């Protein structure tokens, strides 16, 4: 599961992109683009909570509606 999340982040965040302002984070799941179903968000929340509990690693998911070009 962790490998999937890391791969997902590399796909979403290109290396040469300019920085955007990050919206205020509300928790582990921040779906500002409204692309996650409530069920998926809940499953991710449980998985991220388990990772944090097991070894103190904190992972946050942020979706935004646009990369503004």
PDB file of N, CA and C in Angstrom:
ATOM      1  N   UNK A   1       0.822  -1.190   0.000  1.00  0.00           N
ATOM      2  CA  UNK A   1       0.000   0.000   0.000  1.00  0.00           C
ATOM      3  C   UNK A   1       0.872   1.261   0.000  1.00  0.00           C
ATOM      4  N   UNK A   2       1.927   1.251   0.819  1.00  0.00           N
ATOM      5  CA  UNK A   2       2.797   2.421   0.899  1.00  0.00           C
ATOM      6  C   UNK A   2       3.485   2.692  -0.432  1.00  0.00           C
ATOM      7  N   UNK A   3       3.917   1.645  -1.123  1.00  0.00           N
ATOM      8  CA  UNK A   3       4.550   1.834  -2.431  1.00  0.00           C
ATOM      9  C   UNK A   3       3.586   2.481  -3.412  1.00  0.00           C
ATOM     10  N   UNK A   4       2.316   2.103  -3.339  1.00  0.00           N
ATOM     11  CA  UNK A   4       1.306   2.686  -4.219  1.00  0.00           C
ATOM     12  C   UNK A   4       1.154   4.177  -3.941  1.00  0.00           C
ATOM     13  N   UNK A   5       1.143   4.558  -2.662  1.00  0.00           N
ATOM     14  CA  UNK A   5       0.998   5.971  -2.309  1.00  0.00           C
ATOM     15  C   UNK A   5       2.190   6.798  -2.781  1.00  0.00           C
ATOM     16  N   UNK A   6       3.392   6.268  -2.630  1.00  0.00           N
ATOM     17  CA  UNK A   6       4.591   6.979  -3.073  1.00  0.00           C
ATOM     18  C   UNK A   6       4.565   7.150  -4.588  1.00  0.00           C
ATOM     19  N   UNK A   7       4.213   6.102  -5.312  1.00  0.00           N
ATOM     20  CA  UNK A   7       4.123   6.194  -6.773  1.00  0.00           C
ATOM     21  C   UNK A   7       3.071   7.220  -7.180  1.00  0.00           C
ATOM     22  N   UNK A   8       1.957   7.239  -6.489  1.00  0.00           N
ATOM     23  CA  UNK A   8       0.892   8.192  -6.777  1.00  0.00           C
ATOM     24  C   UNK A   8       1.393   9.626  -6.605  1.00  0.00           C
ATOM     25  N   UNK A   9       2.140   9.881  -5.553  1.00  0.00           N
ATOM     26  CA  UNK A   9       2.657  11.231  -5.321  1.00  0.00           C
ATOM     27  C   UNK A   9       3.618  11.673  -6.419  1.00  0.00           C
ATOM     28  N   UNK A  10       4.454  10.761  -6.913  1.00  0.00           N
ATOM     29  CA  UNK A  10       5.386  11.117  -7.986  1.00  0.00           C
ATOM     30  C   UNK A  10       4.645  11.432  -9.286  1.00  0.00           C
ATOM     31  N   UNK A  11       3.522  10.784  -9.514  1.00  0.00           N
ATOM     32  CA  UNK A  11       2.737  11.061 -10.713  1.00  0.00           C
ATOM     33  C   UNK A  11       2.045  12.413 -10.585  1.00  0.00           C
ATOM     34  N   UNK A  12       1.530  12.707  -9.425  1.00  0.00           N
ATOM     35  CA  UNK A  12       0.771  13.937  -9.209  1.00  0.00           C
ATOM     36  C   UNK A  12       1.654  15.180  -9.164  1.00  0.00           C
ATOM     37  N   UNK A  13       2.833  15.078  -8.575  1.00  0.00           N
ATOM     38  CA  UNK A  13       3.686  16.243  -8.405  1.00  0.00           C
ATOM     39  C   UNK A  13       4.896  16.172  -9.329  1.00  0.00           C
ATOM     40  N   UNK A  14       4.816  16.812 -10.512  1.00  0.00           N
ATOM     41  CA  UNK A  14       5.978  16.797 -11.408  1.00  0.00           C
ATOM     42  C   UNK A  14       7.147  17.570 -10.789  1.00  0.00           C
ATOM     43  N   UNK A  15       8.350  17.152 -11.146  1.00  0.00           N
ATOM     44  CA  UNK A  15       9.555  17.728 -10.552  1.00  0.00           C
ATOM     45  C   UNK A  15       9.804  19.172 -10.973  1.00  0.00           C
ATOM     46  N   UNK A  16       9.395  19.565 -12.159  1.00  0.00           N
ATOM     47  CA  UNK A  16       9.712  20.900 -12.651  1.00  0.00           C
ATOM     48  C   UNK A  16       8.591  21.910 -12.445  1.00  0.00           C
ATOM     49  N   UNK A  17       7.577  21.571 -11.711  1.00  0.00           N
ATOM     50  CA  UNK A  17       6.447  22.477 -11.513  1.00  0.00           C
ATOM     51  C   UNK A  17       6.829  23.607 -10.563  1.00  0.00           C
ATOM     52  N   UNK A  18       6.244  24.775 -10.814  1.00  0.00           N
ATOM     53  CA  UNK A  18       6.474  25.873  -9.883  1.00  0.00           C
ATOM     54  C   UNK A  18       5.576  25.675  -8.669  1.00  0.00           C
ATOM     55  N   UNK A  19       5.962  26.247  -7.572  1.00  0.00           N
ATOM     56  CA  UNK A  19       5.239  26.044  -6.314  1.00  0.00           C
ATOM     57  C   UNK A  19       3.906  26.776  -6.322  1.00  0.00           C
ATOM     58  N   UNK A  20       2.897  26.122  -5.801  1.00  0.00           N
ATOM     59  CA  UNK A  20       1.589  26.732  -5.589  1.00  0.00           C
ATOM     60  C   UNK A  20       1.381  26.886  -4.086  1.00  0.00           C
ATOM     61  N   UNK A  21       0.543  27.833  -3.717  1.00  0.00           N
ATOM     62  CA  UNK A  21       0.182  27.953  -2.309  1.00  0.00           C
ATOM     63  C   UNK A  21      -0.635  26.728  -1.915  1.00  0.00           C
ATOM     64  N   UNK A  22      -0.283  26.124  -0.810  1.00  0.00           N
ATOM     65  CA  UNK A  22      -0.990  24.941  -0.329  1.00  0.00           C
ATOM     66  C   UNK A  22      -2.151  25.395   0.541  1.00  0.00           C
ATOM     67  N   UNK A  23      -3.358  24.901   0.258  1.00  0.00           N
ATOM     68  CA  UNK A  23      -4.495  25.260   1.115  1.00  0.00           C
ATOM     69  C   UNK A  23      -4.273  24.733   2.532  1.00  0.00           C
ATOM     70  N   UNK A  24      -4.989  25.302   3.479  1.00  0.00           N
ATOM     71  CA  UNK A  24      -4.869  24.859   4.863  1.00  0.00           C
ATOM     72  C   UNK A  24      -5.253  23.383   4.956  1.00  0.00           C
ATOM     73  N   UNK A  25      -4.413  22.610   5.612  1.00  0.00           N
ATOM     74  CA  UNK A  25      -4.669  21.188   5.777  1.00  0.00           C
ATOM     75  C   UNK A  25      -5.605  20.980   6.961  1.00  0.00           C
ATOM     76  N   UNK A  26      -6.650  20.154   6.740  1.00  0.00           N
ATOM     77  CA  UNK A  26      -7.655  19.905   7.768  1.00  0.00           C
ATOM     78  C   UNK A  26      -7.420  18.590   8.502  1.00  0.00           C
ATOM     79  N   UNK A  27      -6.560  17.754   7.953  1.00  0.00           N
ATOM     80  CA  UNK A  27      -6.319  16.440   8.539  1.00  0.00           C
ATOM     81  C   UNK A  27      -5.468  15.628   7.586  1.00  0.00           C
ATOM     82  N   UNK A  28      -5.568  14.302   7.645  1.00  0.00           N
ATOM     83  CA  UNK A  28      -4.786  13.448   6.757  1.00  0.00           C
ATOM     84  C   UNK A  28      -5.305  13.503   5.323  1.00  0.00           C
ATOM     85  N   UNK A  29      -6.613  13.652   5.147  1.00  0.00           N
ATOM     86  CA  UNK A  29      -7.229  13.685   3.824  1.00  0.00           C
ATOM     87  C   UNK A  29      -7.770  15.089   3.588  1.00  0.00           C
ATOM     88  N   UNK A  30      -7.273  15.740   2.536  1.00  0.00           N
ATOM     89  CA  UNK A  30      -7.669  17.103   2.173  1.00  0.00           C
ATOM     90  C   UNK A  30      -8.067  17.092   0.706  1.00  0.00           C
ATOM     91  N   UNK A  31      -9.324  16.820   0.444  1.00  0.00           N
ATOM     92  CA  UNK A  31      -9.819  16.625  -0.917  1.00  0.00           C
ATOM     93  C   UNK A  31     -10.501  17.893  -1.428  1.00  0.00           C
ATOM     94  N   UNK A  32      -9.703  18.900  -1.739  1.00  0.00           N
ATOM     95  CA  UNK A  32     -10.245  20.162  -2.244  1.00  0.00           C
ATOM     96  C   UNK A  32     -10.761  20.048  -3.675  1.00  0.00           C
ATOM     97  N   UNK A  33     -10.377  19.010  -4.394  1.00  0.00           N
ATOM     98  CA  UNK A  33     -10.860  18.799  -5.760  1.00  0.00           C
ATOM     99  C   UNK A  33     -12.108  17.925  -5.791  1.00  0.00           C
ATOM    100  N   UNK A  34     -12.522  17.431  -4.654  1.00  0.00           N
ATOM    101  CA  UNK A  34     -13.724  16.589  -4.544  1.00  0.00           C
ATOM    102  C   UNK A  34     -13.682  15.378  -5.474  1.00  0.00           C
ATOM    103  N   UNK A  35     -12.537  14.679  -5.488  1.00  0.00           N
ATOM    104  CA  UNK A  35     -12.422  13.513  -6.356  1.00  0.00           C
ATOM    105  C   UNK A  35     -12.522  12.189  -5.599  1.00  0.00           C
ATOM    106  N   UNK A  36     -12.456  12.232  -4.288  1.00  0.00           N
ATOM    107  CA  UNK A  36     -12.531  11.011  -3.498  1.00  0.00           C
ATOM    108  C   UNK A  36     -13.953  10.810  -2.989  1.00  0.00           C
ATOM    109  N   UNK A  37     -14.445   9.581  -3.109  1.00  0.00           N
ATOM    110  CA  UNK A  37     -15.738   9.271  -2.518  1.00  0.00           C
ATOM    111  C   UNK A  37     -15.572   9.231  -1.005  1.00  0.00           C
ATOM    112  N   UNK A  38     -16.650   9.413  -0.267  1.00  0.00           N
ATOM    113  CA  UNK A  38     -16.536   9.322   1.199  1.00  0.00           C
ATOM    114  C   UNK A  38     -15.980   7.970   1.661  1.00  0.00           C
ATOM    115  N   UNK A  39     -16.336   6.910   0.960  1.00  0.00           N
ATOM    116  CA  UNK A  39     -15.843   5.578   1.325  1.00  0.00           C
ATOM    117  C   UNK A  39     -14.331   5.479   1.106  1.00  0.00           C
ATOM    118  N   UNK A  40     -13.848   5.998  -0.017  1.00  0.00           N
ATOM    119  CA  UNK A  40     -12.418   5.971  -0.312  1.00  0.00           C
ATOM    120  C   UNK A  40     -11.655   6.835   0.679  1.00  0.00           C
ATOM    121  N   UNK A  41     -12.180   8.003   0.980  1.00  0.00           N
ATOM    122  CA  UNK A  41     -11.532   8.888   1.942  1.00  0.00           C
ATOM    123  C   UNK A  41     -11.441   8.206   3.308  1.00  0.00           C
ATOM    124  N   UNK A  42     -12.495   7.512   3.707  1.00  0.00           N
ATOM    125  CA  UNK A  42     -12.483   6.824   4.998  1.00  0.00           C
ATOM    126  C   UNK A  42     -11.456   5.689   5.007  1.00  0.00           C
ATOM    127  N   UNK A  43     -11.370   4.922   3.914  1.00  0.00           N
ATOM    128  CA  UNK A  43     -10.383   3.841   3.819  1.00  0.00           C
ATOM    129  C   UNK A  43      -8.959   4.400   3.881  1.00  0.00           C
ATOM    130  N   UNK A  44      -8.724   5.502   3.182  1.00  0.00           N
ATOM    131  CA  UNK A  44      -7.404   6.132   3.225  1.00  0.00           C
ATOM    132  C   UNK A  44      -7.092   6.657   4.618  1.00  0.00           C
ATOM    133  N   UNK A  45      -8.071   7.239   5.269  1.00  0.00           N
ATOM    134  CA  UNK A  45      -7.881   7.748   6.627  1.00  0.00           C
ATOM    135  C   UNK A  45      -7.463   6.628   7.571  1.00  0.00           C
ATOM    136  N   UNK A  46      -8.128   5.487   7.473  1.00  0.00           N
ATOM    137  CA  UNK A  46      -7.796   4.338   8.321  1.00  0.00           C
ATOM    138  C   UNK A  46      -6.378   3.847   8.021  1.00  0.00           C
ATOM    139  N   UNK A  47      -6.036   3.749   6.723  1.00  0.00           N
ATOM    140  CA  UNK A  47      -4.701   3.270   6.336  1.00  0.00           C
ATOM    141  C   UNK A  47      -3.612   4.229   6.807  1.00  0.00           C
ATOM    142  N   UNK A  48      -3.829   5.523   6.632  1.00  0.00           N
ATOM    143  CA  UNK A  48      -2.822   6.503   7.046  1.00  0.00           C
ATOM    144  C   UNK A  48      -2.686   6.560   8.563  1.00  0.00           C
ATOM    145  N   UNK A  49      -3.785   6.389   9.262  1.00  0.00           N
ATOM    146  CA  UNK A  49      -3.742   6.347  10.718  1.00  0.00           C
ATOM    147  C   UNK A  49      -2.944   5.139  11.199  1.00  0.00           C
ATOM    148  N   UNK A  50      -3.124   3.996  10.541  1.00  0.00           N
ATOM    149  CA  UNK A  50      -2.383   2.788  10.913  1.00  0.00           C
ATOM    150  C   UNK A  50      -0.886   2.963  10.675  1.00  0.00           C
ATOM    151  N   UNK A  51      -0.529   3.593   9.548  1.00  0.00           N
ATOM    152  CA  UNK A  51       0.889   3.848   9.261  1.00  0.00           C
ATOM    153  C   UNK A  51       1.485   4.757  10.329  1.00  0.00           C
ATOM    154  N   UNK A  52       0.751   5.809  10.673  1.00  0.00           N
ATOM    155  CA  UNK A  52       1.249   6.738  11.692  1.00  0.00           C
ATOM    156  C   UNK A  52       1.396   6.052  13.047  1.00  0.00           C
ATOM    157  N   UNK A  53       0.452   5.202  13.399  1.00  0.00           N
ATOM    158  CA  UNK A  53       0.516   4.492  14.678  1.00  0.00           C
ATOM    159  C   UNK A  53       1.652   3.489  14.732  1.00  0.00           C
ATOM    160  N   UNK A  54       1.966   2.881  13.587  1.00  0.00           N
ATOM    161  CA  UNK A  54       2.974   1.817  13.583  1.00  0.00           C
ATOM    162  C   UNK A  54       4.403   2.344  13.694  1.00  0.00           C
ATOM    163  N   UNK A  55       4.697   3.489  13.053  1.00  0.00           N
ATOM    164  CA  UNK A  55       6.091   3.956  13.099  1.00  0.00           C
ATOM    165  C   UNK A  55       6.236   5.479  13.103  1.00  0.00           C
ATOM    166  N   UNK A  56       5.186   6.190  13.439  1.00  0.00           N
ATOM    167  CA  UNK A  56       5.185   7.659  13.562  1.00  0.00           C
ATOM    168  C   UNK A  56       5.359   8.392  12.237  1.00  0.00           C
ATOM    169  N   UNK A  57       5.289   7.679  11.107  1.00  0.00           N
ATOM    170  CA  UNK A  57       5.349   8.336   9.804  1.00  0.00           C
ATOM    171  C   UNK A  57       4.014   9.009   9.535  1.00  0.00           C
ATOM    172  N   UNK A  58       4.059  10.281   9.165  1.00  0.00           N
ATOM    173  CA  UNK A  58       2.839  11.010   8.857  1.00  0.00           C
ATOM    174  C   UNK A  58       2.750  11.256   7.356  1.00  0.00           C
ATOM    175  N   UNK A  59       1.623  10.885   6.773  1.00  0.00           N
ATOM    176  CA  UNK A  59       1.367  11.085   5.348  1.00  0.00           C
ATOM    177  C   UNK A  59       0.049  11.831   5.223  1.00  0.00           C
ATOM    178  N   UNK A  60       0.040  12.855   4.385  1.00  0.00           N
ATOM    179  CA  UNK A  60      -1.156  13.645   4.149  1.00  0.00           C
ATOM    180  C   UNK A  60      -1.472  13.594   2.664  1.00  0.00           C
ATOM    181  N   UNK A  61      -2.752  13.465   2.344  1.00  0.00           N
ATOM    182  CA  UNK A  61      -3.193  13.487   0.948  1.00  0.00           C
ATOM    183  C   UNK A  61      -3.882  14.821   0.688  1.00  0.00           C
ATOM    184  N   UNK A  62      -3.453  15.486  -0.372  1.00  0.00           N
ATOM    185  CA  UNK A  62      -4.031  16.769  -0.774  1.00  0.00           C
ATOM    186  C   UNK A  62      -4.401  16.692  -2.240  1.00  0.00           C
ATOM    187  N   UNK A  63      -5.665  16.962  -2.558  1.00  0.00           N
ATOM    188  CA  UNK A  63      -6.074  17.120  -3.951  1.00  0.00           C
ATOM    189  C   UNK A  63      -6.510  18.555  -4.140  1.00  0.00           C
ATOM    190  N   UNK A  64      -6.163  19.133  -5.277  1.00  0.00           N
ATOM    191  CA  UNK A  64      -6.546  20.503  -5.599  1.00  0.00           C
ATOM    192  C   UNK A  64      -7.205  20.504  -6.970  1.00  0.00           C
ATOM    193  N   UNK A  65      -8.107  21.443  -7.216  1.00  0.00           N
ATOM    194  CA  UNK A  65      -8.852  21.433  -8.478  1.00  0.00           C
ATOM    195  C   UNK A  65      -8.013  21.753  -9.709  1.00  0.00           C
ATOM    196  N   UNK A  66      -6.910  22.476  -9.545  1.00  0.00           N
ATOM    197  CA  UNK A  66      -6.119  22.877 -10.714  1.00  0.00           C
ATOM    198  C   UNK A  66      -4.662  23.116 -10.319  1.00  0.00           C
ATOM    199  N   UNK A  67      -3.769  22.812 -11.243  1.00  0.00           N
ATOM    200  CA  UNK A  67      -2.366  23.158 -11.051  1.00  0.00           C
ATOM    201  C   UNK A  67      -2.047  24.531 -11.642  1.00  0.00           C
ATOM    202  N   UNK A  68      -3.081  25.199 -12.121  1.00  0.00           N
ATOM    203  CA  UNK A  68      -2.977  26.544 -12.685  1.00  0.00           C
ATOM    204  C   UNK A  68      -1.922  26.607 -13.795  1.00  0.00           C
ATOM    205  N   UNK A  69      -2.093  25.709 -14.740  1.00  0.00           N
ATOM    206  CA  UNK A  69      -1.214  25.704 -15.908  1.00  0.00           C
ATOM    207  C   UNK A  69      -0.086  24.765 -15.768  1.00  0.00           C
TER     208      UNK A  69
END
